Amino acid sequence: MGEATPCTCTTTFENVSDPTHLGEGDSDPGNIVARNNFTVGSGPILTAGTGKITG
């Protein structure tokens, strides 16, 4: 499993029914922390985790 890379960018999701997915199929549960994102005609941004960077 790879390490997460923090991103301090702003993302706009436009006309995307499912912008994010967590733990589907055989994948690990995963963590997504969403900050400063915008959705336009899109579904919700699924999140999990605290956003605390460790290690």
N, C-alpha and C. Protein backbone atom coordinates (compact mmCIF):
# COMPACT_ATOMS: atom_id res chain seq x y z
N MET A 1 0.84 -1.17 0.00
CA MET A 1 0.00 0.00 0.00
C MET A 1 0.88 1.23 0.00
N GLY A 2 0.60 2.21 -0.83
CA GLY A 2 1.38 3.43 -0.90
C GLY A 2 1.05 4.41 0.19
N GLU A 3 1.92 5.39 0.37
CA GLU A 3 1.68 6.43 1.36
C GLU A 3 0.90 7.56 0.73
N ALA A 4 0.08 8.21 1.53
CA ALA A 4 -0.71 9.35 1.06
C ALA A 4 0.19 10.57 0.94
N THR A 5 -0.04 11.35 -0.08
CA THR A 5 0.67 12.60 -0.26
C THR A 5 -0.28 13.75 0.03
N PRO A 6 0.04 14.61 1.00
CA PRO A 6 -0.86 15.72 1.32
C PRO A 6 -0.97 16.67 0.13
N CYS A 7 -2.15 17.16 -0.11
CA CYS A 7 -2.39 18.12 -1.18
C CYS A 7 -3.07 19.35 -0.59
N THR A 8 -2.49 20.50 -0.80
CA THR A 8 -3.09 21.74 -0.31
C THR A 8 -3.74 22.50 -1.45
N CYS A 9 -4.14 21.78 -2.48
CA CYS A 9 -4.73 22.40 -3.65
C CYS A 9 -6.25 22.53 -3.50
N THR A 10 -6.84 23.30 -4.38
CA THR A 10 -8.29 23.43 -4.45
C THR A 10 -8.75 22.69 -5.70
N THR A 11 -9.78 21.88 -5.55
CA THR A 11 -10.29 21.08 -6.67
C THR A 11 -11.74 21.43 -6.92
N THR A 12 -12.11 21.53 -8.18
CA THR A 12 -13.51 21.72 -8.55
C THR A 12 -13.98 20.47 -9.28
N PHE A 13 -15.05 19.87 -8.78
CA PHE A 13 -15.68 18.73 -9.43
C PHE A 13 -16.92 19.25 -10.13
N GLU A 14 -16.96 19.14 -11.44
CA GLU A 14 -18.09 19.65 -12.21
C GLU A 14 -18.77 18.52 -12.96
N ASN A 15 -20.07 18.35 -12.69
CA ASN A 15 -20.89 17.32 -13.34
C ASN A 15 -20.30 15.92 -13.21
N VAL A 16 -19.86 15.59 -11.98
CA VAL A 16 -19.32 14.27 -11.68
C VAL A 16 -20.26 13.63 -10.66
N SER A 17 -20.89 12.51 -11.04
CA SER A 17 -21.88 11.93 -10.14
C SER A 17 -21.26 11.41 -8.84
N ASP A 18 -20.07 10.83 -8.90
CA ASP A 18 -19.39 10.30 -7.72
C ASP A 18 -17.94 10.78 -7.73
N PRO A 19 -17.66 11.97 -7.17
CA PRO A 19 -16.30 12.50 -7.22
C PRO A 19 -15.26 11.65 -6.50
N THR A 20 -15.65 10.96 -5.43
CA THR A 20 -14.70 10.13 -4.69
C THR A 20 -15.33 8.80 -4.32
N HIS A 21 -14.47 7.80 -4.10
CA HIS A 21 -14.91 6.47 -3.66
C HIS A 21 -13.99 6.02 -2.54
N LEU A 22 -14.54 5.30 -1.58
CA LEU A 22 -13.76 4.78 -0.46
C LEU A 22 -13.98 3.28 -0.33
N GLY A 23 -12.91 2.53 -0.15
CA GLY A 23 -12.96 1.12 0.21
C GLY A 23 -13.94 0.27 -0.58
N GLU A 24 -13.82 0.26 -1.87
CA GLU A 24 -14.71 -0.57 -2.69
C GLU A 24 -14.01 -1.86 -3.10
N GLY A 25 -14.79 -2.91 -3.26
CA GLY A 25 -14.24 -4.18 -3.69
C GLY A 25 -13.22 -4.70 -2.70
N ASP A 26 -12.04 -5.08 -3.18
CA ASP A 26 -10.98 -5.64 -2.35
C ASP A 26 -10.02 -4.58 -1.81
N SER A 27 -10.29 -3.30 -2.04
CA SER A 27 -9.36 -2.26 -1.61
C SER A 27 -9.47 -2.00 -0.10
N ASP A 28 -8.41 -1.41 0.46
CA ASP A 28 -8.42 -1.00 1.86
C ASP A 28 -9.47 0.08 2.07
N PRO A 29 -9.89 0.33 3.33
CA PRO A 29 -10.91 1.34 3.59
C PRO A 29 -10.54 2.73 3.06
N GLY A 30 -9.28 3.11 3.17
CA GLY A 30 -8.83 4.39 2.62
C GLY A 30 -9.21 5.59 3.48
N ASN A 31 -8.53 6.70 3.25
CA ASN A 31 -8.80 7.96 3.93
C ASN A 31 -8.81 9.07 2.91
N ILE A 32 -9.79 9.92 2.99
CA ILE A 32 -9.84 11.14 2.16
C ILE A 32 -10.27 12.27 3.07
N VAL A 33 -9.48 13.32 3.10
CA VAL A 33 -9.85 14.53 3.82
C VAL A 33 -10.03 15.61 2.78
N ALA A 34 -11.21 16.19 2.71
CA ALA A 34 -11.51 17.18 1.67
C ALA A 34 -11.54 18.58 2.28
N ARG A 35 -10.75 19.45 1.69
CA ARG A 35 -10.73 20.85 2.13
C ARG A 35 -10.69 21.74 0.89
N ASN A 36 -11.42 22.84 0.94
CA ASN A 36 -11.39 23.85 -0.13
C ASN A 36 -11.78 23.28 -1.50
N ASN A 37 -12.73 22.36 -1.52
CA ASN A 37 -13.20 21.80 -2.78
C ASN A 37 -14.56 22.39 -3.13
N PHE A 38 -14.85 22.41 -4.41
CA PHE A 38 -16.12 22.93 -4.89
C PHE A 38 -16.79 21.85 -5.74
N THR A 39 -18.09 21.73 -5.61
CA THR A 39 -18.84 20.82 -6.47
C THR A 39 -19.89 21.62 -7.23
N VAL A 40 -19.97 21.38 -8.52
CA VAL A 40 -20.94 22.04 -9.39
C VAL A 40 -21.69 20.94 -10.12
N GLY A 41 -22.95 20.73 -9.77
CA GLY A 41 -23.72 19.69 -10.41
C GLY A 41 -23.17 18.30 -10.15
N SER A 42 -22.53 18.10 -8.99
CA SER A 42 -21.87 16.84 -8.67
C SER A 42 -22.42 16.25 -7.39
N GLY A 43 -22.13 14.96 -7.18
CA GLY A 43 -22.52 14.29 -5.95
C GLY A 43 -21.61 14.68 -4.80
N PRO A 44 -21.85 14.09 -3.62
CA PRO A 44 -21.06 14.45 -2.44
C PRO A 44 -19.63 13.91 -2.51
N ILE A 45 -18.73 14.59 -1.82
CA ILE A 45 -17.35 14.13 -1.67
C ILE A 45 -17.31 13.27 -0.41
N LEU A 46 -17.10 11.97 -0.59
CA LEU A 46 -17.04 11.06 0.56
C LEU A 46 -15.70 11.25 1.26
N THR A 47 -15.72 11.31 2.58
CA THR A 47 -14.49 11.53 3.33
C THR A 47 -14.37 10.52 4.46
N ALA A 48 -13.14 10.29 4.90
CA ALA A 48 -12.84 9.46 6.06
C ALA A 48 -11.44 9.82 6.50
N GLY A 49 -11.20 9.86 7.79
CA GLY A 49 -9.88 10.19 8.31
C GLY A 49 -9.87 11.55 8.97
N THR A 50 -8.75 11.87 9.59
CA THR A 50 -8.64 13.10 10.38
C THR A 50 -7.88 14.21 9.68
N GLY A 51 -7.06 13.85 8.72
CA GLY A 51 -6.23 14.85 8.05
C GLY A 51 -4.92 15.09 8.76
N LYS A 52 -4.71 14.42 9.90
CA LYS A 52 -3.46 14.56 10.64
C LYS A 52 -2.38 13.78 9.92
N ILE A 53 -1.27 14.43 9.63
CA ILE A 53 -0.15 13.79 8.94
C ILE A 53 0.78 13.20 9.99
N THR A 54 1.04 11.90 9.86
CA THR A 54 1.92 11.23 10.81
C THR A 54 3.10 10.61 10.06
N GLY A 55 4.16 10.33 10.82
CA GLY A 55 5.30 9.64 10.23
C GLY A 55 6.32 10.52 9.81
